[in-house]
Amino acid sequence: MSEQFNAAAEKVKSLTKRPSDDEFLELYALFKQGTVGDNTTAKPGLLDLKGKAKWEAWNKQKGKSSEAAQTEYIAFVEGLVAKYA
């Protein structure tokens, strides 16, 4: 699984078009859940809009196993490659 996950992470870098902000947040959240696990960091302040959006996206994945997050990440990347490559 880890090899496929790393390969998917590399594929994202080769997209020729930019995914939407929501798609980027989903990628970020699944990647963090798959590599780090549950979000245990403090929520960013109100003025850090980007940090807050990333924190909230990752926090929505709470409770999902690393394996499940990695599987979802791989499938999500494949969808993005089909859409944006």
N, C-alpha and C. Protein backbone atom coordinates (compact mmCIF):
# COMPACT_ATOMS: atom_id res chain seq x y z
N MET A 1 0.83 -1.20 0.00
CA MET A 1 0.00 0.00 0.00
C MET A 1 0.87 1.25 0.00
N SER A 2 1.92 1.25 0.77
CA SER A 2 2.77 2.43 0.90
C SER A 2 3.39 2.83 -0.44
N GLU A 3 3.78 1.84 -1.25
CA GLU A 3 4.36 2.16 -2.55
C GLU A 3 3.34 2.84 -3.45
N GLN A 4 2.11 2.33 -3.46
CA GLN A 4 1.05 2.93 -4.27
C GLN A 4 0.75 4.34 -3.78
N PHE A 5 0.75 4.52 -2.46
CA PHE A 5 0.47 5.82 -1.85
C PHE A 5 1.54 6.83 -2.27
N ASN A 6 2.80 6.43 -2.19
CA ASN A 6 3.89 7.32 -2.58
C ASN A 6 3.85 7.62 -4.08
N ALA A 7 3.50 6.62 -4.88
CA ALA A 7 3.38 6.83 -6.32
C ALA A 7 2.27 7.82 -6.63
N ALA A 8 1.16 7.72 -5.89
CA ALA A 8 0.04 8.64 -6.08
C ALA A 8 0.46 10.06 -5.70
N ALA A 9 1.23 10.19 -4.62
CA ALA A 9 1.71 11.50 -4.19
C ALA A 9 2.60 12.13 -5.26
N GLU A 10 3.37 11.31 -5.97
CA GLU A 10 4.21 11.81 -7.05
C GLU A 10 3.37 12.19 -8.28
N LYS A 11 2.33 11.41 -8.54
CA LYS A 11 1.45 11.69 -9.69
C LYS A 11 0.81 13.07 -9.57
N VAL A 12 0.46 13.45 -8.35
CA VAL A 12 -0.19 14.74 -8.13
C VAL A 12 0.69 15.88 -8.65
N LYS A 13 1.98 15.74 -8.48
CA LYS A 13 2.92 16.78 -8.90
C LYS A 13 2.99 16.93 -10.42
N SER A 14 2.52 15.92 -11.15
CA SER A 14 2.63 15.96 -12.60
C SER A 14 1.34 16.40 -13.30
N LEU A 15 0.34 16.83 -12.54
CA LEU A 15 -0.90 17.30 -13.15
C LEU A 15 -0.62 18.54 -14.00
N THR A 16 -1.24 18.61 -15.17
CA THR A 16 -0.99 19.74 -16.07
C THR A 16 -1.93 20.91 -15.79
N LYS A 17 -3.06 20.64 -15.13
CA LYS A 17 -3.99 21.71 -14.76
C LYS A 17 -4.15 21.71 -13.25
N ARG A 18 -4.49 22.87 -12.72
CA ARG A 18 -4.61 23.03 -11.26
C ARG A 18 -5.97 22.54 -10.77
N PRO A 19 -5.98 21.60 -9.81
CA PRO A 19 -7.26 21.18 -9.21
C PRO A 19 -7.90 22.34 -8.45
N SER A 20 -9.18 22.21 -8.15
CA SER A 20 -9.88 23.24 -7.40
C SER A 20 -9.37 23.29 -5.96
N ASP A 21 -9.69 24.38 -5.27
CA ASP A 21 -9.28 24.51 -3.87
C ASP A 21 -9.86 23.38 -3.02
N ASP A 22 -11.12 23.01 -3.28
CA ASP A 22 -11.74 21.92 -2.52
C ASP A 22 -11.02 20.60 -2.76
N GLU A 23 -10.60 20.38 -4.00
CA GLU A 23 -9.86 19.16 -4.31
C GLU A 23 -8.50 19.16 -3.63
N PHE A 24 -7.85 20.32 -3.60
CA PHE A 24 -6.57 20.42 -2.88
C PHE A 24 -6.75 20.12 -1.39
N LEU A 25 -7.81 20.66 -0.80
CA LEU A 25 -8.06 20.41 0.63
C LEU A 25 -8.31 18.93 0.89
N GLU A 26 -9.05 18.29 0.01
CA GLU A 26 -9.30 16.85 0.15
C GLU A 26 -8.00 16.06 0.05
N LEU A 27 -7.16 16.42 -0.93
CA LEU A 27 -5.86 15.77 -1.08
C LEU A 27 -5.02 15.94 0.19
N TYR A 28 -4.97 17.17 0.67
CA TYR A 28 -4.19 17.47 1.88
C TYR A 28 -4.69 16.65 3.07
N ALA A 29 -6.01 16.65 3.27
CA ALA A 29 -6.58 15.97 4.43
C ALA A 29 -6.33 14.47 4.38
N LEU A 30 -6.52 13.87 3.22
CA LEU A 30 -6.29 12.42 3.10
C LEU A 30 -4.81 12.09 3.24
N PHE A 31 -3.94 12.95 2.69
CA PHE A 31 -2.51 12.72 2.83
C PHE A 31 -2.08 12.78 4.30
N LYS A 32 -2.53 13.82 4.99
CA LYS A 32 -2.15 13.97 6.40
C LYS A 32 -2.71 12.82 7.24
N GLN A 33 -3.96 12.43 6.99
CA GLN A 33 -4.55 11.33 7.75
C GLN A 33 -3.82 10.03 7.45
N GLY A 34 -3.42 9.85 6.20
CA GLY A 34 -2.72 8.64 5.81
C GLY A 34 -1.30 8.55 6.31
N THR A 35 -0.66 9.69 6.56
CA THR A 35 0.73 9.69 7.00
C THR A 35 0.90 9.98 8.49
N VAL A 36 0.07 10.88 9.03
CA VAL A 36 0.23 11.30 10.42
C VAL A 36 -0.83 10.67 11.33
N GLY A 37 -2.04 10.52 10.81
CA GLY A 37 -3.15 10.03 11.64
C GLY A 37 -4.04 11.20 12.04
N ASP A 38 -4.77 11.02 13.13
CA ASP A 38 -5.72 12.05 13.57
C ASP A 38 -5.03 13.38 13.86
N ASN A 39 -5.75 14.45 13.55
CA ASN A 39 -5.27 15.80 13.79
C ASN A 39 -5.30 16.10 15.29
N THR A 40 -4.14 16.34 15.87
CA THR A 40 -4.07 16.67 17.29
C THR A 40 -3.47 18.06 17.50
N THR A 41 -3.32 18.82 16.41
CA THR A 41 -2.73 20.15 16.50
C THR A 41 -3.79 21.17 16.93
N ALA A 42 -3.33 22.30 17.43
CA ALA A 42 -4.25 23.37 17.83
C ALA A 42 -4.83 24.03 16.58
N LYS A 43 -6.09 24.44 16.67
CA LYS A 43 -6.75 25.09 15.54
C LYS A 43 -6.13 26.47 15.31
N PRO A 44 -5.78 26.79 14.05
CA PRO A 44 -5.20 28.09 13.75
C PRO A 44 -6.17 29.24 14.09
N GLY A 45 -5.61 30.42 14.25
CA GLY A 45 -6.41 31.59 14.58
C GLY A 45 -7.30 32.04 13.43
N LEU A 46 -8.19 32.96 13.72
CA LEU A 46 -9.16 33.45 12.74
C LEU A 46 -8.52 34.11 11.54
N LEU A 47 -7.37 34.73 11.71
CA LEU A 47 -6.74 35.45 10.62
C LEU A 47 -5.97 34.53 9.67
N ASP A 48 -5.72 33.30 10.08
CA ASP A 48 -5.01 32.33 9.24
C ASP A 48 -6.05 31.51 8.47
N LEU A 49 -6.62 32.11 7.42
CA LEU A 49 -7.71 31.46 6.70
C LEU A 49 -7.27 30.18 6.01
N LYS A 50 -6.09 30.20 5.39
CA LYS A 50 -5.60 29.01 4.71
C LYS A 50 -5.32 27.89 5.71
N GLY A 51 -4.63 28.23 6.78
CA GLY A 51 -4.32 27.24 7.81
C GLY A 51 -5.57 26.66 8.45
N LYS A 52 -6.55 27.52 8.66
CA LYS A 52 -7.80 27.08 9.27
C LYS A 52 -8.55 26.12 8.34
N ALA A 53 -8.58 26.42 7.04
CA ALA A 53 -9.26 25.56 6.07
C ALA A 53 -8.57 24.18 6.01
N LYS A 54 -7.24 24.18 6.01
CA LYS A 54 -6.50 22.92 5.98
C LYS A 54 -6.73 22.13 7.26
N TRP A 55 -6.73 22.82 8.41
CA TRP A 55 -6.95 22.16 9.69
C TRP A 55 -8.33 21.51 9.73
N GLU A 56 -9.35 22.26 9.29
CA GLU A 56 -10.72 21.74 9.32
C GLU A 56 -10.89 20.55 8.37
N ALA A 57 -10.27 20.62 7.19
CA ALA A 57 -10.36 19.51 6.24
C ALA A 57 -9.73 18.25 6.84
N TRP A 58 -8.57 18.40 7.45
CA TRP A 58 -7.90 17.25 8.07
C TRP A 58 -8.71 16.74 9.25
N ASN A 59 -9.26 17.63 10.04
CA ASN A 59 -10.02 17.24 11.23
C ASN A 59 -11.26 16.42 10.86
N LYS A 60 -11.82 16.66 9.67
CA LYS A 60 -12.99 15.89 9.22
C LYS A 60 -12.65 14.42 8.99
N GLN A 61 -11.39 14.12 8.82
CA GLN A 61 -10.95 12.74 8.59
C GLN A 61 -10.71 11.98 9.89
N LYS A 62 -10.88 12.64 11.03
CA LYS A 62 -10.58 12.05 12.34
C LYS A 62 -11.27 10.70 12.51
N GLY A 63 -10.52 9.74 13.00
CA GLY A 63 -11.06 8.41 13.25
C GLY A 63 -10.84 7.44 12.10
N LYS A 64 -10.47 7.95 10.95
CA LYS A 64 -10.22 7.10 9.78
C LYS A 64 -8.83 6.49 9.92
N SER A 65 -8.71 5.22 9.65
CA SER A 65 -7.40 4.57 9.76
C SER A 65 -6.47 5.08 8.67
N SER A 66 -5.18 4.95 8.91
CA SER A 66 -4.18 5.36 7.92
C SER A 66 -4.37 4.59 6.62
N GLU A 67 -4.65 3.29 6.73
CA GLU A 67 -4.83 2.47 5.54
C GLU A 67 -6.02 2.94 4.72
N ALA A 68 -7.14 3.23 5.40
CA ALA A 68 -8.34 3.69 4.69
C ALA A 68 -8.07 5.04 4.03
N ALA A 69 -7.39 5.93 4.73
CA ALA A 69 -7.08 7.25 4.17
C ALA A 69 -6.16 7.12 2.96
N GLN A 70 -5.18 6.22 3.05
CA GLN A 70 -4.27 6.03 1.92
C GLN A 70 -5.01 5.45 0.72
N THR A 71 -5.91 4.51 0.96
CA THR A 71 -6.70 3.92 -0.13
C THR A 71 -7.56 4.99 -0.80
N GLU A 72 -8.22 5.84 0.00
CA GLU A 72 -9.03 6.92 -0.54
C GLU A 72 -8.17 7.92 -1.31
N TYR A 73 -6.99 8.22 -0.77
CA TYR A 73 -6.07 9.16 -1.42
C TYR A 73 -5.69 8.65 -2.81
N ILE A 74 -5.32 7.37 -2.89
CA ILE A 74 -4.92 6.77 -4.16
C ILE A 74 -6.06 6.88 -5.17
N ALA A 75 -7.28 6.54 -4.75
CA ALA A 75 -8.43 6.60 -5.65
C ALA A 75 -8.72 8.04 -6.06
N PHE A 76 -8.58 8.97 -5.12
CA PHE A 76 -8.85 10.38 -5.41
C PHE A 76 -7.83 10.92 -6.42
N VAL A 77 -6.57 10.55 -6.24
CA VAL A 77 -5.52 10.98 -7.17
C VAL A 77 -5.79 10.41 -8.56
N GLU A 78 -6.20 9.16 -8.65
CA GLU A 78 -6.50 8.56 -9.96
C GLU A 78 -7.61 9.36 -10.65
N GLY A 79 -8.60 9.78 -9.89
CA GLY A 79 -9.68 10.61 -10.46
C GLY A 79 -9.16 11.95 -10.95
N LEU A 80 -8.26 12.56 -10.18
CA LEU A 80 -7.68 13.84 -10.58
C LEU A 80 -6.81 13.70 -11.82
N VAL A 81 -6.05 12.60 -11.89
CA VAL A 81 -5.20 12.37 -13.06
C VAL A 81 -6.07 12.24 -14.31
N ALA A 82 -7.18 11.52 -14.18
CA ALA A 82 -8.08 11.36 -15.33
C ALA A 82 -8.70 12.69 -15.73
N LYS A 83 -8.91 13.56 -14.75
CA LYS A 83 -9.57 14.85 -14.98
C LYS A 83 -8.59 15.93 -15.45
N TYR A 84 -7.39 15.95 -14.91
CA TYR A 84 -6.47 17.07 -15.13
C TYR A 84 -5.17 16.75 -15.87
N ALA A 85 -4.89 15.50 -16.14
CA ALA A 85 -3.59 15.17 -16.76
C ALA A 85 -3.57 15.46 -18.24
